[in-house]
Amino acid sequence: MALPVLTGLFIVFVAYARPRRFTVLDERGIAVRNFLRVRRLRWAELYDIRAEVLDGQAARLGGLTVQAYAYRADGKRLVLPCLDDREQPAVRREATRIRMVWTELRGPQWRLDPQAESRIARDAARRERRWAGARWERSLGAPSWSSPSSCSARGSSADRAPQVPDIPG
């Protein structure tokens, strides 16, 4: 009896929370809403905005190949909802636009930080090792999952952006 009720509550939660994900920019910073909360970072707290190509394993599990992230100075990254190639075909162009806004609003105190770059690289290597340890998915022939879009309007295939190089910090 309890299992059907819990399953029903979970379905209602996902149906309610999933469409409410967003990434919003304003003059103060960036706000990101995931399933449970809204996180706000001031422009000065951000170290970088990047659109990253996901490795094959991650792409198969989520159906994504490119995802945008906001990086803090401590190297931690924050997923920018609705800025991926499933939700926004021109994700690289959108990430470049966000970087342009950030470059203007981050303040004169921002400097390239080699320590932050090394923390970001270390975390990326850690994620890669974690995915490399999960190669069983390929050998077992597990299916790849893809979910429908949960964000607002999608562009047409004609809106797909060409490869846009990163803007130097």
C-alpha atoms as a PDB file:
ATOM      1  CA  MET A   1       0.000   0.000   0.000  1.00  0.00           C
ATOM      2  CA  ALA A   2       2.794   2.431   0.894  1.00  0.00           C
ATOM      3  CA  LEU A   3       4.815   1.747  -2.262  1.00  0.00           C
ATOM      4  CA  PRO A   4       2.101   2.902  -4.726  1.00  0.00           C
ATOM      5  CA  VAL A   5       1.535   6.039  -2.649  1.00  0.00           C
ATOM      6  CA  LEU A   6       5.256   6.847  -2.560  1.00  0.00           C
ATOM      7  CA  THR A   7       5.559   6.151  -6.267  1.00  0.00           C
ATOM      8  CA  GLY A   8       2.641   8.454  -6.977  1.00  0.00           C
ATOM      9  CA  LEU A   9       4.145  11.210  -4.819  1.00  0.00           C
ATOM     10  CA  PHE A  10       7.454  10.864  -6.609  1.00  0.00           C
ATOM     11  CA  ILE A  11       5.771  11.163 -10.021  1.00  0.00           C
ATOM     12  CA  VAL A  12       3.888  14.264  -8.869  1.00  0.00           C
ATOM     13  CA  PHE A  13       7.127  15.774  -7.525  1.00  0.00           C
ATOM     14  CA  VAL A  14       8.994  15.183 -10.782  1.00  0.00           C
ATOM     15  CA  ALA A  15       6.098  16.487 -12.868  1.00  0.00           C
ATOM     16  CA  TYR A  16       5.915  19.600 -10.685  1.00  0.00           C
ATOM     17  CA  ALA A  17       9.623  20.309 -10.204  1.00  0.00           C
ATOM     18  CA  ARG A  18      11.138  19.422 -13.583  1.00  0.00           C
ATOM     19  CA  PRO A  19       9.511  22.188 -15.654  1.00  0.00           C
ATOM     20  CA  ARG A  20      10.571  24.757 -13.074  1.00  0.00           C
ATOM     21  CA  ARG A  21      14.312  24.484 -13.757  1.00  0.00           C
ATOM     22  CA  PHE A  22      15.915  27.657 -15.053  1.00  0.00           C
ATOM     23  CA  THR A  23      19.017  29.791 -15.465  1.00  0.00           C
ATOM     24  CA  VAL A  24      18.441  33.535 -15.114  1.00  0.00           C
ATOM     25  CA  LEU A  25      20.908  36.401 -15.507  1.00  0.00           C
ATOM     26  CA  ASP A  26      20.526  39.893 -14.107  1.00  0.00           C
ATOM     27  CA  GLU A  27      22.808  42.781 -13.167  1.00  0.00           C
ATOM     28  CA  ARG A  28      23.618  41.180  -9.780  1.00  0.00           C
ATOM     29  CA  GLY A  29      24.577  37.720 -10.994  1.00  0.00           C
ATOM     30  CA  ILE A  30      23.255  34.390 -12.090  1.00  0.00           C
ATOM     31  CA  ALA A  31      20.386  32.428 -10.528  1.00  0.00           C
ATOM     32  CA  VAL A  32      20.010  28.702 -11.092  1.00  0.00           C
ATOM     33  CA  ARG A  33      16.995  26.673 -10.072  1.00  0.00           C
ATOM     34  CA  ASN A  34      17.281  22.922  -9.943  1.00  0.00           C
ATOM     35  CA  PHE A  35      14.692  20.538  -8.551  1.00  0.00           C
ATOM     36  CA  LEU A  36      14.758  21.722  -4.953  1.00  0.00           C
ATOM     37  CA  ARG A  37      16.324  25.150  -4.627  1.00  0.00           C
ATOM     38  CA  VAL A  38      17.494  28.342  -6.234  1.00  0.00           C
ATOM     39  CA  ARG A  39      21.202  29.152  -6.051  1.00  0.00           C
ATOM     40  CA  ARG A  40      22.398  32.668  -6.705  1.00  0.00           C
ATOM     41  CA  LEU A  41      25.984  33.632  -7.434  1.00  0.00           C
ATOM     42  CA  ARG A  42      27.178  37.196  -7.814  1.00  0.00           C
ATOM     43  CA  TRP A  43      29.186  37.916 -10.961  1.00  0.00           C
ATOM     44  CA  ALA A  44      32.302  38.531  -8.834  1.00  0.00           C
ATOM     45  CA  GLU A  45      31.977  35.024  -7.292  1.00  0.00           C
ATOM     46  CA  LEU A  46      32.219  33.314 -10.678  1.00  0.00           C
ATOM     47  CA  TYR A  47      35.546  32.235 -12.077  1.00  0.00           C
ATOM     48  CA  ASP A  48      34.396  31.104 -15.521  1.00  0.00           C
ATOM     49  CA  ILE A  49      31.454  30.051 -17.698  1.00  0.00           C
ATOM     50  CA  ARG A  50      32.123  27.092 -19.986  1.00  0.00           C
ATOM     51  CA  ALA A  51      30.211  24.922 -22.429  1.00  0.00           C
ATOM     52  CA  GLU A  52      31.845  21.508 -22.208  1.00  0.00           C
ATOM     53  CA  VAL A  53      31.622  18.491 -24.431  1.00  0.00           C
ATOM     54  CA  LEU A  54      30.614  15.514 -22.307  1.00  0.00           C
ATOM     55  CA  ASP A  55      32.498  12.278 -22.709  1.00  0.00           C
ATOM     56  CA  GLY A  56      30.741   9.386 -24.407  1.00  0.00           C
ATOM     57  CA  GLN A  57      29.674   7.682 -21.178  1.00  0.00           C
ATOM     58  CA  ALA A  58      27.979  10.772 -19.734  1.00  0.00           C
ATOM     59  CA  ALA A  59      26.391  11.570 -23.080  1.00  0.00           C
ATOM     60  CA  ARG A  60      24.826   8.117 -23.326  1.00  0.00           C
ATOM     61  CA  LEU A  61      23.369   8.296 -19.838  1.00  0.00           C
ATOM     62  CA  GLY A  62      21.791  11.717 -20.223  1.00  0.00           C
ATOM     63  CA  GLY A  63      21.388  12.029 -23.973  1.00  0.00           C
ATOM     64  CA  LEU A  64      23.548  15.188 -23.900  1.00  0.00           C
ATOM     65  CA  THR A  65      26.768  15.994 -25.680  1.00  0.00           C
ATOM     66  CA  VAL A  66      27.303  19.627 -24.560  1.00  0.00           C
ATOM     67  CA  GLN A  67      26.438  21.158 -21.161  1.00  0.00           C
ATOM     68  CA  ALA A  68      27.120  24.672 -19.824  1.00  0.00           C
ATOM     69  CA  TYR A  69      28.640  25.164 -16.370  1.00  0.00           C
ATOM     70  CA  ALA A  70      29.460  28.095 -14.112  1.00  0.00           C
ATOM     71  CA  TYR A  71      32.730  27.658 -12.200  1.00  0.00           C
ATOM     72  CA  ARG A  72      33.490  29.287  -8.861  1.00  0.00           C
ATOM     73  CA  ALA A  73      36.999  30.333  -7.824  1.00  0.00           C
ATOM     74  CA  ASP A  74      37.308  27.230  -5.624  1.00  0.00           C
ATOM     75  CA  GLY A  75      36.960  25.060  -8.752  1.00  0.00           C
ATOM     76  CA  LYS A  76      33.444  23.826  -7.965  1.00  0.00           C
ATOM     77  CA  ARG A  77      31.102  23.828 -10.909  1.00  0.00           C
ATOM     78  CA  LEU A  78      27.412  24.515 -11.093  1.00  0.00           C
ATOM     79  CA  VAL A  79      25.275  23.062 -13.876  1.00  0.00           C
ATOM     80  CA  LEU A  80      23.352  25.728 -15.762  1.00  0.00           C
ATOM     81  CA  PRO A  81      19.929  24.142 -16.342  1.00  0.00           C
ATOM     82  CA  CYS A  82      18.416  24.496 -19.796  1.00  0.00           C
ATOM     83  CA  LEU A  83      21.825  25.304 -21.286  1.00  0.00           C
ATOM     84  CA  ASP A  84      22.600  21.997 -22.907  1.00  0.00           C
ATOM     85  CA  ASP A  85      22.271  20.696 -26.430  1.00  0.00           C
ATOM     86  CA  ARG A  86      19.009  18.893 -25.677  1.00  0.00           C
ATOM     87  CA  GLU A  87      17.268  22.024 -24.373  1.00  0.00           C
ATOM     88  CA  GLN A  88      19.082  24.678 -26.397  1.00  0.00           C
ATOM     89  CA  PRO A  89      20.569  23.612 -29.729  1.00  0.00           C
ATOM     90  CA  ALA A  90      22.811  26.709 -29.800  1.00  0.00           C
ATOM     91  CA  VAL A  91      24.259  26.049 -26.340  1.00  0.00           C
ATOM     92  CA  ARG A  92      27.786  27.145 -27.248  1.00  0.00           C
ATOM     93  CA  ARG A  93      26.533  30.457 -28.585  1.00  0.00           C
ATOM     94  CA  GLU A  94      24.406  31.001 -25.454  1.00  0.00           C
ATOM     95  CA  ALA A  95      27.331  30.166 -23.159  1.00  0.00           C
ATOM     96  CA  THR A  96      29.491  32.640 -25.092  1.00  0.00           C
ATOM     97  CA  ARG A  97      26.831  35.329 -24.624  1.00  0.00           C
ATOM     98  CA  ILE A  98      26.718  34.629 -20.891  1.00  0.00           C
ATOM     99  CA  ARG A  99      30.528  34.878 -20.763  1.00  0.00           C
ATOM    100  CA  MET A 100      30.331  38.263 -22.484  1.00  0.00           C
ATOM    101  CA  VAL A 101      27.855  39.536 -19.880  1.00  0.00           C
ATOM    102  CA  TRP A 102      29.976  38.081 -17.076  1.00  0.00           C
ATOM    103  CA  THR A 103      33.125  39.704 -18.514  1.00  0.00           C
ATOM    104  CA  GLU A 104      31.435  43.105 -18.374  1.00  0.00           C
ATOM    105  CA  LEU A 105      29.894  42.685 -14.908  1.00  0.00           C
ATOM    106  CA  ARG A 106      32.478  40.651 -12.962  1.00  0.00           C
ATOM    107  CA  GLY A 107      34.374  43.710 -11.791  1.00  0.00           C
ATOM    108  CA  PRO A 108      37.945  44.957 -12.176  1.00  0.00           C
ATOM    109  CA  GLN A 109      39.262  42.740  -9.352  1.00  0.00           C
ATOM    110  CA  TRP A 110      38.923  39.519 -11.392  1.00  0.00           C
ATOM    111  CA  ARG A 111      42.226  37.886 -12.312  1.00  0.00           C
ATOM    112  CA  LEU A 112      43.185  34.640 -13.992  1.00  0.00           C
ATOM    113  CA  ASP A 113      43.968  32.250 -11.131  1.00  0.00           C
ATOM    114  CA  PRO A 114      46.332  29.329 -11.874  1.00  0.00           C
ATOM    115  CA  GLN A 115      45.216  27.642  -8.636  1.00  0.00           C
ATOM    116  CA  ALA A 116      41.583  27.749  -9.716  1.00  0.00           C
ATOM    117  CA  GLU A 117      42.552  26.313 -13.101  1.00  0.00           C
ATOM    118  CA  SER A 118      44.428  23.458 -11.411  1.00  0.00           C
ATOM    119  CA  ARG A 119      41.426  22.742  -9.128  1.00  0.00           C
ATOM    120  CA  ILE A 120      39.116  22.687 -12.150  1.00  0.00           C
ATOM    121  CA  ALA A 121      41.496  20.336 -13.995  1.00  0.00           C
ATOM    122  CA  ARG A 122      41.832  18.089 -10.918  1.00  0.00           C
ATOM    123  CA  ASP A 123      38.040  17.832 -10.547  1.00  0.00           C
ATOM    124  CA  ALA A 124      37.696  17.088 -14.280  1.00  0.00           C
ATOM    125  CA  ALA A 125      40.261  14.291 -13.964  1.00  0.00           C
ATOM    126  CA  ARG A 126      38.392  12.920 -10.943  1.00  0.00           C
ATOM    127  CA  ARG A 127      35.125  12.879 -12.898  1.00  0.00           C
ATOM    128  CA  GLU A 128      36.855  11.160 -15.811  1.00  0.00           C
ATOM    129  CA  ARG A 129      38.226   8.439 -13.497  1.00  0.00           C
ATOM    130  CA  ARG A 130      34.755   7.972 -12.028  1.00  0.00           C
ATOM    131  CA  TRP A 131      33.268   7.506 -15.506  1.00  0.00           C
ATOM    132  CA  ALA A 132      36.126   5.241 -16.546  1.00  0.00           C
ATOM    133  CA  GLY A 133      35.272   3.005 -13.579  1.00  0.00           C
ATOM    134  CA  ALA A 134      31.692   2.730 -14.800  1.00  0.00           C
ATOM    135  CA  ARG A 135      32.528   1.135 -18.158  1.00  0.00           C
ATOM    136  CA  TRP A 136      30.364  -1.828 -17.177  1.00  0.00           C
ATOM    137  CA  GLU A 137      27.415   0.026 -18.714  1.00  0.00           C
ATOM    138  CA  ARG A 138      28.840  -0.442 -22.180  1.00  0.00           C
ATOM    139  CA  SER A 139      29.762  -4.094 -21.678  1.00  0.00           C
ATOM    140  CA  LEU A 140      26.309  -4.995 -20.359  1.00  0.00           C
ATOM    141  CA  GLY A 141      24.576  -3.257 -23.232  1.00  0.00           C
ATOM    142  CA  ALA A 142      22.528  -1.047 -20.920  1.00  0.00           C
ATOM    143  CA  PRO A 143      20.229   1.356 -22.760  1.00  0.00           C
ATOM    144  CA  SER A 144      20.927   5.057 -22.932  1.00  0.00           C
ATOM    145  CA  TRP A 145      18.291   7.275 -21.412  1.00  0.00           C
ATOM    146  CA  SER A 146      16.964  10.456 -22.845  1.00  0.00           C
ATOM    147  CA  SER A 147      14.241  12.568 -21.367  1.00  0.00           C
ATOM    148  CA  PRO A 148      12.027  15.136 -23.055  1.00  0.00           C
ATOM    149  CA  SER A 149      12.781  18.810 -22.833  1.00  0.00           C
ATOM    150  CA  SER A 150      11.755  20.493 -19.604  1.00  0.00           C
ATOM    151  CA  CYS A 151      12.681  24.051 -20.454  1.00  0.00           C
ATOM    152  CA  SER A 152      10.993  26.673 -22.536  1.00  0.00           C
ATOM    153  CA  ALA A 153      11.110  26.981 -26.298  1.00  0.00           C
ATOM    154  CA  ARG A 154      13.720  25.134 -28.283  1.00  0.00           C
ATOM    155  CA  GLY A 155      15.323  26.453 -31.405  1.00  0.00           C
ATOM    156  CA  SER A 156      14.984  24.762 -34.734  1.00  0.00           C
ATOM    157  CA  SER A 157      17.784  22.782 -36.294  1.00  0.00           C
ATOM    158  CA  ALA A 158      18.505  25.874 -38.387  1.00  0.00           C
ATOM    159  CA  ASP A 159      19.479  27.642 -35.136  1.00  0.00           C
ATOM    160  CA  ARG A 160      22.328  25.251 -34.403  1.00  0.00           C
ATOM    161  CA  ALA A 161      25.421  27.325 -33.755  1.00  0.00           C
ATOM    162  CA  PRO A 162      28.748  26.723 -35.389  1.00  0.00           C
ATOM    163  CA  GLN A 163      31.691  25.979 -33.132  1.00  0.00           C
ATOM    164  CA  VAL A 164      32.296  29.203 -31.191  1.00  0.00           C
ATOM    165  CA  PRO A 165      35.711  29.581 -29.562  1.00  0.00           C
ATOM    166  CA  ASP A 166      35.890  30.590 -25.914  1.00  0.00           C
ATOM    167  CA  ILE A 167      36.435  34.241 -25.154  1.00  0.00           C
ATOM    168  CA  PRO A 168      39.683  34.754 -23.250  1.00  0.00           C
ATOM    169  CA  GLY A 169      39.039  35.810 -19.639  1.00  0.00           C
END
